[in-house]
Each structure stands twice: as C-alpha cells, then as structure tokens.
Amino acid sequence: MSRQVVSTTLIFDSQHNLPLTTTTTITTMKGDAKRRKNHFQPGNIPRIRARHLEDQAGHPNDQAVFTRRLTTEEFRLVTKPCHDGRSLIASDTEDRPCPARILRQSTVSHEDSDSEPDNIEGNRIIDVLLMVKMWNSVFRLHAEKHYETGKIPEFELDTEWKRALGWSCSVRCAKCSYRSPLHRLYREADTNKPRPKPALVNRYLSSALCGQSVSTKGARLLLGHLNIPAGAKSGMQQQANLVSKETTALNKIDMAEKTRQLVEVNHLRGDVNPSTIGIALDGR
C-alpha cells in the first residue's frame, strides 16, 4: 500500500508578519511509477475484444451463441437429478463430455402474458345456475369498478380450483386490470363435520357406479376420453366407500320398514303367524 506525504514550510517576516517564501515537499512512496505504467492509455484495446474464438475444428468463430430458454416440459425431458439429489445434469451425459447449454424454465405471470393459459382446456362439469350467478356478479363488479374505461369487456379464465369433478374459477378482463374473486360452480354436500364440504357431483358419480359394473378406474378412463379432468384415485375411492356405507344403511332401514308393513298387513288379514313371510324360488 502506497501513500503520498505533503509537507509545507512557510517563512514569515517578523516586522510585518507576512509570509516571504513557501517551500512544499512532495514525497511519493515506492511503486507509484510502476503503477502509472499499468494504467490504460488512450486507444487501448481490451484483451477480451482482441481474443479470437475458435471452434473444435480450429476455425474462427466470432458469432454470438443464442440459447433458448426451455419450457417446464422440455426441461424435465432433457435433465435428471444427480445422485446427491440437489443438482441436475443433462440426461445420458454422466460419463461423456457434452457441449449442451440448458437454461432453466421461466415462469411467466399473467400480468406479462396476453395469451390464454395453456393448462386451461378441456370440458368441465359445472352447475348451470351457479354459472349464471357467477357471470352476473362478474359483469356487475366490472361495471362498478372499471366503468371509466368505457370499453366492452373481454373476459378470459384466470385461475381454476379443482375438487375432483367440482370446479371453482375466476376470470380476468383482457382490456383492464379487473380480476374476479373465485366462484364455486358446484353444489356442496352436507357432512355435518368441521371441514371443507365435498362436491355433490362426486357423490352422484359414486352412487351411479354402485348400480353399474364399472369401477372407479373405468370411470376415470371414461372421463379421460370425454376430455374431462378426473379426480384422484384415492379421492374417488374414498367417496365410493362412503357412498357404499350410506347405501347399505339406507337399504337396511328400507328393508326394516317394508318388513314392518308386511307384518302389519298379515295381522289385518288374520294370519296365524303374521311374522312368517313366504318366499317362492324358481330353481333350474
């Protein structure tokens, strides 16, 4: 580390109290001259610009390399996790050098994208009356909050929330900053328990499968062919088990009521044994 020391000497006139001469001494530390030689001079060419790039064959290559950023699906196809579980490598390049350049996927928010989301497609099972209520609410709130724009609104789907076959969605206006709240498009089943209520359409599907020779796996396959997103296997099986228990309990209650009515009718008929019920079978 170098430094510069400046010393000044003043000689005063004793009669008039005025300075006569001034002597200034500048002392420079060792290394300043060498450091001044290393400073950039006018017309200096940086070493990076003067460097000539060459490809693997030895030919000059001065063209800029453009690397496209991959999407989430493409990034999953060309990369895989390492053995440590913390880093990623390109597929099939563990034991050989690879000149590939891979950029991580980028997430584009709805504010920066004017196109419709690619993941919102297919068919949905929704309640028509709730859908009408949703659009009435959307148009009313848009007219109240963004009436100064004076433009005809153009709505598109913003987000979706899925509960097996039940859906909730929100919309946004493509011509202003309006975003609607999340609207539920399915009826809820009453469970009398302090937890989120399931969609009633899921109970409908499970009860319909009880009288058919179709399993939950077959129902998911059928919904897939109709381009309707199906629920998870565990959730559909849980709903099927719950509906099966409720159906069994209802059948027992109904059978007990029919037996009581039959015994009462036998009493009115004057049967000796009114509780005896005759059954006829046809065996072949």
C-alpha atoms as a PDB file:
ATOM      1  CA  MET A   1       0.000   0.000   0.000  1.00  0.00           C
ATOM      2  CA  SER A   2       1.434   3.363  -1.054  1.00  0.00           C
ATOM      3  CA  ARG A   3       0.685   6.856   0.108  1.00  0.00           C
ATOM      4  CA  GLN A   4       1.714  10.443  -0.676  1.00  0.00           C
ATOM      5  CA  VAL A   5       3.125  12.786   2.011  1.00  0.00           C
ATOM      6  CA  VAL A   6       2.966  16.561   1.503  1.00  0.00           C
ATOM      7  CA  SER A   7       4.955  18.913   3.775  1.00  0.00           C
ATOM      8  CA  THR A   8       4.812  22.714   3.590  1.00  0.00           C
ATOM      9  CA  THR A   9       7.266  25.266   5.115  1.00  0.00           C
ATOM     10  CA  LEU A  10       6.380  28.979   5.499  1.00  0.00           C
ATOM     11  CA  ILE A  11       8.933  31.760   6.307  1.00  0.00           C
ATOM     12  CA  PHE A  12       7.332  34.892   7.881  1.00  0.00           C
ATOM     13  CA  ASP A  13       8.622  38.487   8.106  1.00  0.00           C
ATOM     14  CA  SER A  14       8.987  39.348  11.791  1.00  0.00           C
ATOM     15  CA  GLN A  15       8.245  43.058  11.285  1.00  0.00           C
ATOM     16  CA  HIS A  16       5.217  42.933   9.044  1.00  0.00           C
ATOM     17  CA  ASN A  17       4.091  39.385   9.921  1.00  0.00           C
ATOM     18  CA  LEU A  18       3.817  38.410   6.242  1.00  0.00           C
ATOM     19  CA  PRO A  19       4.983  35.199   4.551  1.00  0.00           C
ATOM     20  CA  LEU A  20       8.157  35.693   2.499  1.00  0.00           C
ATOM     21  CA  THR A  21       8.748  32.273   0.932  1.00  0.00           C
ATOM     22  CA  THR A  22       6.895  28.957   0.777  1.00  0.00           C
ATOM     23  CA  THR A  23       8.565  25.585   0.382  1.00  0.00           C
ATOM     24  CA  THR A  24       6.496  22.468  -0.497  1.00  0.00           C
ATOM     25  CA  THR A  25       7.966  18.986  -0.479  1.00  0.00           C
ATOM     26  CA  ILE A  26       6.028  16.011  -2.009  1.00  0.00           C
ATOM     27  CA  THR A  27       7.214  12.564  -1.071  1.00  0.00           C
ATOM     28  CA  THR A  28       5.911   9.626  -3.136  1.00  0.00           C
ATOM     29  CA  MET A  29       6.025   6.067  -1.872  1.00  0.00           C
ATOM     30  CA  LYS A  30       7.745   3.328  -3.823  1.00  0.00           C
ATOM     31  CA  GLY A  31       5.661   1.663  -6.566  1.00  0.00           C
ATOM     32  CA  ASP A  32       3.822   4.721  -7.894  1.00  0.00           C
ATOM     33  CA  ALA A  33       5.838   4.855 -11.112  1.00  0.00           C
ATOM     34  CA  LYS A  34       5.215   1.183 -11.833  1.00  0.00           C
ATOM     35  CA  ARG A  35       1.532   1.603 -11.143  1.00  0.00           C
ATOM     36  CA  ARG A  36       1.259   4.565 -13.536  1.00  0.00           C
ATOM     37  CA  LYS A  37       2.704   2.454 -16.339  1.00  0.00           C
ATOM     38  CA  ASN A  38      -0.111  -0.088 -15.934  1.00  0.00           C
ATOM     39  CA  HIS A  39      -2.884   2.477 -16.364  1.00  0.00           C
ATOM     40  CA  PHE A  40      -4.979   2.310 -19.537  1.00  0.00           C
ATOM     41  CA  GLN A  41      -3.609   4.535 -22.264  1.00  0.00           C
ATOM     42  CA  PRO A  42      -5.710   6.237 -24.980  1.00  0.00           C
ATOM     43  CA  GLY A  43      -6.531   3.774 -27.759  1.00  0.00           C
ATOM     44  CA  ASN A  44      -6.030   0.716 -25.570  1.00  0.00           C
ATOM     45  CA  ILE A  45      -7.709  -2.486 -26.942  1.00  0.00           C
ATOM     46  CA  PRO A  46      -9.229  -4.703 -24.240  1.00  0.00           C
ATOM     47  CA  ARG A  47      -7.892  -8.237 -24.138  1.00  0.00           C
ATOM     48  CA  ILE A  48     -11.386  -9.714 -24.426  1.00  0.00           C
ATOM     49  CA  ARG A  49     -12.046  -7.932 -27.741  1.00  0.00           C
ATOM     50  CA  ALA A  50      -8.663  -8.858 -29.117  1.00  0.00           C
ATOM     51  CA  ARG A  51      -9.201 -12.537 -28.337  1.00  0.00           C
ATOM     52  CA  HIS A  52     -10.202 -14.691 -31.324  1.00  0.00           C
ATOM     53  CA  LEU A  53     -12.564 -17.577 -30.665  1.00  0.00           C
ATOM     54  CA  GLU A  54     -12.204 -20.896 -32.449  1.00  0.00           C
ATOM     55  CA  ASP A  55     -14.479 -23.911 -32.707  1.00  0.00           C
ATOM     56  CA  GLN A  56     -13.476 -27.550 -32.218  1.00  0.00           C
ATOM     57  CA  ALA A  57     -12.124 -27.772 -35.796  1.00  0.00           C
ATOM     58  CA  GLY A  58      -9.878 -24.734 -35.321  1.00  0.00           C
ATOM     59  CA  HIS A  59     -11.909 -22.353 -37.483  1.00  0.00           C
ATOM     60  CA  PRO A  60     -12.555 -18.818 -36.249  1.00  0.00           C
ATOM     61  CA  ASN A  61     -15.914 -18.418 -34.618  1.00  0.00           C
ATOM     62  CA  ASP A  62     -16.942 -14.871 -33.803  1.00  0.00           C
ATOM     63  CA  GLN A  63     -20.710 -15.386 -33.968  1.00  0.00           C
ATOM     64  CA  ALA A  64     -22.772 -14.873 -30.823  1.00  0.00           C
ATOM     65  CA  VAL A  65     -24.371 -18.018 -29.434  1.00  0.00           C
ATOM     66  CA  PHE A  66     -28.103 -17.815 -28.677  1.00  0.00           C
ATOM     67  CA  THR A  67     -29.554 -20.291 -26.199  1.00  0.00           C
ATOM     68  CA  ARG A  68     -33.328 -20.598 -25.989  1.00  0.00           C
ATOM     69  CA  ARG A  69     -34.847 -20.924 -22.537  1.00  0.00           C
ATOM     70  CA  LEU A  70     -36.711 -24.204 -22.167  1.00  0.00           C
ATOM     71  CA  THR A  71     -40.255 -24.709 -21.008  1.00  0.00           C
ATOM     72  CA  THR A  72     -41.119 -26.791 -17.968  1.00  0.00           C
ATOM     73  CA  GLU A  73     -41.962 -29.895 -20.041  1.00  0.00           C
ATOM     74  CA  GLU A  74     -38.792 -29.615 -22.160  1.00  0.00           C
ATOM     75  CA  PHE A  75     -36.621 -29.048 -19.091  1.00  0.00           C
ATOM     76  CA  ARG A  76     -37.937 -32.232 -17.466  1.00  0.00           C
ATOM     77  CA  LEU A  77     -37.208 -34.247 -20.626  1.00  0.00           C
ATOM     78  CA  VAL A  78     -33.552 -33.218 -21.003  1.00  0.00           C
ATOM     79  CA  THR A  79     -32.488 -33.154 -17.336  1.00  0.00           C
ATOM     80  CA  LYS A  80     -32.480 -35.537 -14.423  1.00  0.00           C
ATOM     81  CA  PRO A  81     -31.390 -35.254 -10.760  1.00  0.00           C
ATOM     82  CA  CYS A  82     -27.886 -36.286  -9.711  1.00  0.00           C
ATOM     83  CA  HIS A  83     -27.079 -38.909  -7.120  1.00  0.00           C
ATOM     84  CA  ASP A  84     -26.761 -36.268  -4.412  1.00  0.00           C
ATOM     85  CA  GLY A  85     -30.350 -35.191  -5.061  1.00  0.00           C
ATOM     86  CA  ARG A  86     -29.504 -31.471  -5.020  1.00  0.00           C
ATOM     87  CA  SER A  87     -28.249 -30.741  -8.540  1.00  0.00           C
ATOM     88  CA  LEU A  88     -29.380 -31.535 -12.077  1.00  0.00           C
ATOM     89  CA  ILE A  89     -27.484 -32.904 -15.071  1.00  0.00           C
ATOM     90  CA  ALA A  90     -28.352 -33.460 -18.707  1.00  0.00           C
ATOM     91  CA  SER A  91     -29.712 -36.914 -19.492  1.00  0.00           C
ATOM     92  CA  ASP A  92     -27.196 -39.534 -20.740  1.00  0.00           C
ATOM     93  CA  THR A  93     -24.183 -37.259 -20.122  1.00  0.00           C
ATOM     94  CA  GLU A  94     -22.780 -38.661 -16.886  1.00  0.00           C
ATOM     95  CA  ASP A  95     -19.779 -40.446 -18.447  1.00  0.00           C
ATOM     96  CA  ARG A  96     -19.107 -38.327 -21.534  1.00  0.00           C
ATOM     97  CA  PRO A  97     -18.492 -34.631 -22.217  1.00  0.00           C
ATOM     98  CA  CYS A  98     -21.422 -32.696 -23.573  1.00  0.00           C
ATOM     99  CA  PRO A  99     -21.399 -29.163 -25.071  1.00  0.00           C
ATOM    100  CA  ALA A 100     -25.117 -28.661 -24.417  1.00  0.00           C
ATOM    101  CA  ARG A 101     -26.313 -25.408 -22.917  1.00  0.00           C
ATOM    102  CA  ILE A 102     -29.502 -25.687 -20.864  1.00  0.00           C
ATOM    103  CA  LEU A 103     -31.316 -22.764 -19.282  1.00  0.00           C
ATOM    104  CA  ARG A 104     -33.835 -23.278 -16.526  1.00  0.00           C
ATOM    105  CA  GLN A 105     -37.509 -22.810 -17.308  1.00  0.00           C
ATOM    106  CA  SER A 106     -39.021 -19.405 -16.785  1.00  0.00           C
ATOM    107  CA  THR A 107     -42.356 -18.679 -15.131  1.00  0.00           C
ATOM    108  CA  VAL A 108     -44.428 -16.061 -16.955  1.00  0.00           C
ATOM    109  CA  SER A 109     -47.048 -14.378 -14.803  1.00  0.00           C
ATOM    110  CA  HIS A 110     -50.491 -13.447 -16.068  1.00  0.00           C
ATOM    111  CA  GLU A 111     -49.593  -9.769 -15.985  1.00  0.00           C
ATOM    112  CA  ASP A 112     -46.805 -10.298 -18.542  1.00  0.00           C
ATOM    113  CA  SER A 113     -48.714 -12.662 -20.813  1.00  0.00           C
ATOM    114  CA  ASP A 114     -51.546 -11.629 -23.112  1.00  0.00           C
ATOM    115  CA  SER A 115     -52.307 -15.141 -24.348  1.00  0.00           C
ATOM    116  CA  GLU A 116     -54.642 -17.639 -22.749  1.00  0.00           C
ATOM    117  CA  PRO A 117     -53.114 -20.124 -20.287  1.00  0.00           C
ATOM    118  CA  ASP A 118     -52.151 -23.377 -21.959  1.00  0.00           C
ATOM    119  CA  ASN A 119     -53.091 -25.541 -18.984  1.00  0.00           C
ATOM    120  CA  ILE A 120     -56.778 -24.483 -19.002  1.00  0.00           C
ATOM    121  CA  GLU A 121     -58.514 -26.621 -21.601  1.00  0.00           C
ATOM    122  CA  GLY A 122     -60.970 -29.481 -21.947  1.00  0.00           C
ATOM    123  CA  ASN A 123     -64.516 -29.917 -20.662  1.00  0.00           C
ATOM    124  CA  ARG A 124     -65.924 -29.267 -17.196  1.00  0.00           C
ATOM    125  CA  ILE A 125     -68.937 -30.460 -15.203  1.00  0.00           C
ATOM    126  CA  ILE A 126     -70.492 -27.326 -13.723  1.00  0.00           C
ATOM    127  CA  ASP A 127     -73.814 -26.244 -12.263  1.00  0.00           C
ATOM    128  CA  VAL A 128     -75.645 -24.056 -14.786  1.00  0.00           C
ATOM    129  CA  LEU A 129     -77.429 -21.866 -12.221  1.00  0.00           C
ATOM    130  CA  LEU A 130     -74.208 -21.172 -10.339  1.00  0.00           C
ATOM    131  CA  MET A 131     -72.519 -20.298 -13.628  1.00  0.00           C
ATOM    132  CA  VAL A 132     -75.253 -17.746 -14.393  1.00  0.00           C
ATOM    133  CA  LYS A 133     -74.810 -16.216 -10.930  1.00  0.00           C
ATOM    134  CA  MET A 134     -71.057 -16.004 -11.489  1.00  0.00           C
ATOM    135  CA  TRP A 135     -71.373 -14.094 -14.772  1.00  0.00           C
ATOM    136  CA  ASN A 136     -73.961 -11.725 -13.316  1.00  0.00           C
ATOM    137  CA  SER A 137     -71.603 -10.954 -10.442  1.00  0.00           C
ATOM    138  CA  VAL A 138     -68.616 -10.531 -12.777  1.00  0.00           C
ATOM    139  CA  PHE A 139     -70.386  -8.077 -15.082  1.00  0.00           C
ATOM    140  CA  ARG A 140     -71.832  -6.083 -12.175  1.00  0.00           C
ATOM    141  CA  LEU A 141     -68.480  -5.709 -10.365  1.00  0.00           C
ATOM    142  CA  HIS A 142     -66.680  -4.851 -13.594  1.00  0.00           C
ATOM    143  CA  ALA A 143     -69.212  -2.123 -14.366  1.00  0.00           C
ATOM    144  CA  GLU A 144     -68.918  -0.676 -10.845  1.00  0.00           C
ATOM    145  CA  LYS A 145     -65.110  -0.629 -10.589  1.00  0.00           C
ATOM    146  CA  HIS A 146     -63.998  -0.047 -14.184  1.00  0.00           C
ATOM    147  CA  TYR A 147     -66.822   1.997 -15.645  1.00  0.00           C
ATOM    148  CA  GLU A 148     -64.407   4.811 -16.638  1.00  0.00           C
ATOM    149  CA  THR A 149     -62.757   2.707 -19.335  1.00  0.00           C
ATOM    150  CA  GLY A 150     -65.876   2.744 -21.493  1.00  0.00           C
ATOM    151  CA  LYS A 151     -64.834  -0.412 -23.336  1.00  0.00           C
ATOM    152  CA  ILE A 152     -66.716  -3.621 -23.941  1.00  0.00           C
ATOM    153  CA  PRO A 153     -65.168  -6.141 -21.515  1.00  0.00           C
ATOM    154  CA  GLU A 154     -63.448  -9.209 -22.857  1.00  0.00           C
ATOM    155  CA  PHE A 155     -63.127 -11.912 -20.207  1.00  0.00           C
ATOM    156  CA  GLU A 156     -60.914 -14.972 -20.104  1.00  0.00           C
ATOM    157  CA  LEU A 157     -60.208 -17.627 -17.499  1.00  0.00           C
ATOM    158  CA  ASP A 158     -57.675 -16.619 -14.891  1.00  0.00           C
ATOM    159  CA  THR A 159     -57.390 -19.449 -12.347  1.00  0.00           C
ATOM    160  CA  GLU A 160     -59.143 -22.734 -11.628  1.00  0.00           C
ATOM    161  CA  TRP A 161     -59.525 -24.732  -8.431  1.00  0.00           C
ATOM    162  CA  LYS A 162     -60.470 -28.394  -8.649  1.00  0.00           C
ATOM    163  CA  ARG A 163     -62.228 -30.733  -6.214  1.00  0.00           C
ATOM    164  CA  ALA A 164     -62.446 -33.965  -8.235  1.00  0.00           C
ATOM    165  CA  LEU A 165     -65.359 -33.211 -10.614  1.00  0.00           C
ATOM    166  CA  GLY A 166     -66.257 -29.927  -8.897  1.00  0.00           C
ATOM    167  CA  TRP A 167     -64.659 -26.725 -10.156  1.00  0.00           C
ATOM    168  CA  SER A 168     -64.204 -23.153  -8.995  1.00  0.00           C
ATOM    169  CA  CYS A 169     -62.817 -20.490 -11.301  1.00  0.00           C
ATOM    170  CA  SER A 170     -62.045 -16.801 -11.594  1.00  0.00           C
ATOM    171  CA  VAL A 171     -61.894 -14.624 -14.697  1.00  0.00           C
ATOM    172  CA  ARG A 172     -59.980 -11.512 -15.694  1.00  0.00           C
ATOM    173  CA  CYS A 173     -60.591  -8.784 -18.217  1.00  0.00           C
ATOM    174  CA  ALA A 174     -58.163  -8.596 -21.133  1.00  0.00           C
ATOM    175  CA  LYS A 175     -58.712  -4.843 -21.576  1.00  0.00           C
ATOM    176  CA  CYS A 176     -58.256  -3.673 -17.981  1.00  0.00           C
ATOM    177  CA  SER A 177     -56.876  -4.822 -14.632  1.00  0.00           C
ATOM    178  CA  TYR A 178     -60.104  -6.360 -13.307  1.00  0.00           C
ATOM    179  CA  ARG A 179     -59.866  -9.804 -11.680  1.00  0.00           C
ATOM    180  CA  SER A 180     -62.893 -11.522 -10.250  1.00  0.00           C
ATOM    181  CA  PRO A 181     -62.913 -13.497  -6.999  1.00  0.00           C
ATOM    182  CA  LEU A 182     -63.063 -17.274  -7.053  1.00  0.00           C
ATOM    183  CA  HIS A 183     -66.587 -18.518  -7.812  1.00  0.00           C
ATOM    184  CA  ARG A 184     -67.764 -22.011  -6.859  1.00  0.00           C
ATOM    185  CA  LEU A 185     -69.510 -23.827  -9.732  1.00  0.00           C
ATOM    186  CA  TYR A 186     -70.659 -26.935  -7.837  1.00  0.00           C
ATOM    187  CA  ARG A 187     -73.126 -27.769  -5.088  1.00  0.00           C
ATOM    188  CA  GLU A 188     -71.728 -28.805  -1.726  1.00  0.00           C
ATOM    189  CA  ALA A 189     -72.644 -31.983   0.124  1.00  0.00           C
ATOM    190  CA  ASP A 190     -73.574 -31.561   3.781  1.00  0.00           C
ATOM    191  CA  THR A 191     -71.315 -33.669   6.025  1.00  0.00           C
ATOM    192  CA  ASN A 192     -72.076 -32.121   9.469  1.00  0.00           C
ATOM    193  CA  LYS A 193     -68.329 -32.032  10.130  1.00  0.00           C
ATOM    194  CA  PRO A 194     -65.953 -29.065  10.595  1.00  0.00           C
ATOM    195  CA  ARG A 195     -64.071 -29.485   7.325  1.00  0.00           C
ATOM    196  CA  PRO A 196     -64.385 -28.391   3.690  1.00  0.00           C
ATOM    197  CA  LYS A 197     -67.541 -29.786   2.165  1.00  0.00           C
ATOM    198  CA  PRO A 198     -67.079 -32.102  -0.829  1.00  0.00           C
ATOM    199  CA  ALA A 199     -68.681 -31.501  -4.188  1.00  0.00           C
ATOM    200  CA  LEU A 200     -72.098 -33.081  -4.519  1.00  0.00           C
ATOM    201  CA  VAL A 201     -71.357 -34.198  -8.084  1.00  0.00           C
ATOM    202  CA  ASN A 202     -68.694 -36.550  -6.705  1.00  0.00           C
ATOM    203  CA  ARG A 203     -71.362 -38.248  -4.586  1.00  0.00           C
ATOM    204  CA  TYR A 204     -73.574 -38.513  -7.665  1.00  0.00           C
ATOM    205  CA  LEU A 205     -70.854 -40.322  -9.595  1.00  0.00           C
ATOM    206  CA  SER A 206     -70.117 -42.753  -6.763  1.00  0.00           C
ATOM    207  CA  SER A 207     -73.804 -43.569  -6.252  1.00  0.00           C
ATOM    208  CA  ALA A 208     -74.250 -44.138 -10.006  1.00  0.00           C
ATOM    209  CA  LEU A 209     -71.311 -46.563 -10.065  1.00  0.00           C
ATOM    210  CA  CYS A 210     -72.885 -48.670  -7.291  1.00  0.00           C
ATOM    211  CA  GLY A 211     -75.552 -49.966  -9.661  1.00  0.00           C
ATOM    212  CA  GLN A 212     -73.212 -50.480 -12.616  1.00  0.00           C
ATOM    213  CA  SER A 213     -70.430 -52.918 -13.416  1.00  0.00           C
ATOM    214  CA  VAL A 214     -67.939 -50.044 -13.723  1.00  0.00           C
ATOM    215  CA  SER A 215     -65.158 -49.441 -11.225  1.00  0.00           C
ATOM    216  CA  THR A 216     -63.570 -46.133 -10.295  1.00  0.00           C
ATOM    217  CA  LYS A 217     -60.723 -46.939 -12.676  1.00  0.00           C
ATOM    218  CA  GLY A 218     -63.190 -47.408 -15.531  1.00  0.00           C
ATOM    219  CA  ALA A 219     -64.934 -44.158 -14.591  1.00  0.00           C
ATOM    220  CA  ARG A 220     -61.643 -42.266 -14.705  1.00  0.00           C
ATOM    221  CA  LEU A 221     -60.914 -43.780 -18.118  1.00  0.00           C
ATOM    222  CA  LEU A 222     -64.354 -42.753 -19.374  1.00  0.00           C
ATOM    223  CA  LEU A 223     -63.884 -39.194 -18.112  1.00  0.00           C
ATOM    224  CA  GLY A 224     -60.488 -39.056 -19.774  1.00  0.00           C
ATOM    225  CA  HIS A 225     -61.998 -39.999 -23.141  1.00  0.00           C
ATOM    226  CA  LEU A 226     -64.544 -37.201 -22.663  1.00  0.00           C
ATOM    227  CA  ASN A 227     -61.656 -34.760 -22.029  1.00  0.00           C
ATOM    228  CA  ILE A 228     -62.940 -34.118 -18.515  1.00  0.00           C
ATOM    229  CA  PRO A 229     -60.239 -33.951 -15.809  1.00  0.00           C
ATOM    230  CA  ALA A 230     -60.995 -36.765 -13.381  1.00  0.00           C
ATOM    231  CA  GLY A 231     -60.349 -36.808  -9.682  1.00  0.00           C
ATOM    232  CA  ALA A 232     -57.532 -38.620  -7.946  1.00  0.00           C
ATOM    233  CA  LYS A 233     -57.774 -42.369  -7.407  1.00  0.00           C
ATOM    234  CA  SER A 234     -57.646 -42.077  -3.632  1.00  0.00           C
ATOM    235  CA  GLY A 235     -60.313 -39.373  -3.518  1.00  0.00           C
ATOM    236  CA  MET A 236     -62.706 -41.244  -5.808  1.00  0.00           C
ATOM    237  CA  GLN A 237     -62.222 -44.477  -3.862  1.00  0.00           C
ATOM    238  CA  GLN A 238     -62.843 -42.648  -0.589  1.00  0.00           C
ATOM    239  CA  GLN A 239     -66.094 -41.208  -1.927  1.00  0.00           C
ATOM    240  CA  ALA A 240     -67.102 -44.652  -3.265  1.00  0.00           C
ATOM    241  CA  ASN A 241     -66.530 -46.258   0.154  1.00  0.00           C
ATOM    242  CA  LEU A 242     -68.525 -43.527   1.875  1.00  0.00           C
ATOM    243  CA  VAL A 243     -71.431 -43.842  -0.576  1.00  0.00           C
ATOM    244  CA  SER A 244     -71.368 -47.634  -0.223  1.00  0.00           C
ATOM    245  CA  LYS A 245     -71.742 -47.384   3.559  1.00  0.00           C
ATOM    246  CA  GLU A 246     -74.579 -44.880   3.250  1.00  0.00           C
ATOM    247  CA  THR A 247     -76.327 -47.057   0.642  1.00  0.00           C
ATOM    248  CA  THR A 248     -76.057 -50.134   2.873  1.00  0.00           C
ATOM    249  CA  ALA A 249     -77.514 -48.213   5.821  1.00  0.00           C
ATOM    250  CA  LEU A 250     -80.406 -46.918   3.688  1.00  0.00           C
ATOM    251  CA  ASN A 251     -81.130 -50.426   2.380  1.00  0.00           C
ATOM    252  CA  LYS A 252     -81.309 -51.797   5.920  1.00  0.00           C
ATOM    253  CA  ILE A 253     -83.686 -49.031   7.013  1.00  0.00           C
ATOM    254  CA  ASP A 254     -85.872 -49.539   3.935  1.00  0.00           C
ATOM    255  CA  MET A 255     -85.978 -53.333   4.401  1.00  0.00           C
ATOM    256  CA  ALA A 256     -86.959 -52.951   8.072  1.00  0.00           C
ATOM    257  CA  GLU A 257     -89.793 -50.581   7.109  1.00  0.00           C
ATOM    258  CA  LYS A 258     -91.092 -52.949   4.427  1.00  0.00           C
ATOM    259  CA  THR A 259     -90.956 -55.889   6.855  1.00  0.00           C
ATOM    260  CA  ARG A 260     -92.940 -53.906   9.440  1.00  0.00           C
ATOM    261  CA  GLN A 261     -95.578 -53.010   6.862  1.00  0.00           C
ATOM    262  CA  LEU A 262     -95.848 -56.632   5.710  1.00  0.00           C
ATOM    263  CA  VAL A 263     -96.317 -57.924   9.283  1.00  0.00           C
ATOM    264  CA  GLU A 264     -98.986 -55.280   9.880  1.00  0.00           C
ATOM    265  CA  VAL A 265    -100.839 -56.349   6.739  1.00  0.00           C
ATOM    266  CA  ASN A 266    -100.676 -60.003   7.854  1.00  0.00           C
ATOM    267  CA  HIS A 267    -102.223 -59.000  11.195  1.00  0.00           C
ATOM    268  CA  LEU A 268    -105.084 -57.324   9.375  1.00  0.00           C
ATOM    269  CA  ARG A 269    -105.589 -60.425   7.264  1.00  0.00           C
ATOM    270  CA  GLY A 270    -105.857 -62.577  10.392  1.00  0.00           C
ATOM    271  CA  ASP A 271    -102.854 -64.799   9.707  1.00  0.00           C
ATOM    272  CA  VAL A 272    -101.894 -67.196  12.493  1.00  0.00           C
ATOM    273  CA  ASN A 273     -98.213 -66.381  12.101  1.00  0.00           C
ATOM    274  CA  PRO A 274     -98.105 -62.807  10.763  1.00  0.00           C
ATOM    275  CA  SER A 275     -94.313 -62.634  11.075  1.00  0.00           C
ATOM    276  CA  THR A 276     -93.866 -65.568   8.696  1.00  0.00           C
ATOM    277  CA  ILE A 277     -93.121 -64.426   5.178  1.00  0.00           C
ATOM    278  CA  GLY A 278     -93.385 -66.931   2.406  1.00  0.00           C
ATOM    279  CA  ILE A 279     -90.743 -66.858  -0.316  1.00  0.00           C
ATOM    280  CA  ALA A 280     -91.095 -68.576  -3.683  1.00  0.00           C
ATOM    281  CA  LEU A 281     -87.983 -69.506  -5.646  1.00  0.00           C
ATOM    282  CA  ASP A 282     -87.591 -70.807  -9.146  1.00  0.00           C
ATOM    283  CA  GLY A 283     -84.554 -73.049  -9.390  1.00  0.00           C
ATOM    284  CA  ARG A 284     -83.299 -74.539 -12.628  1.00  0.00           C
END
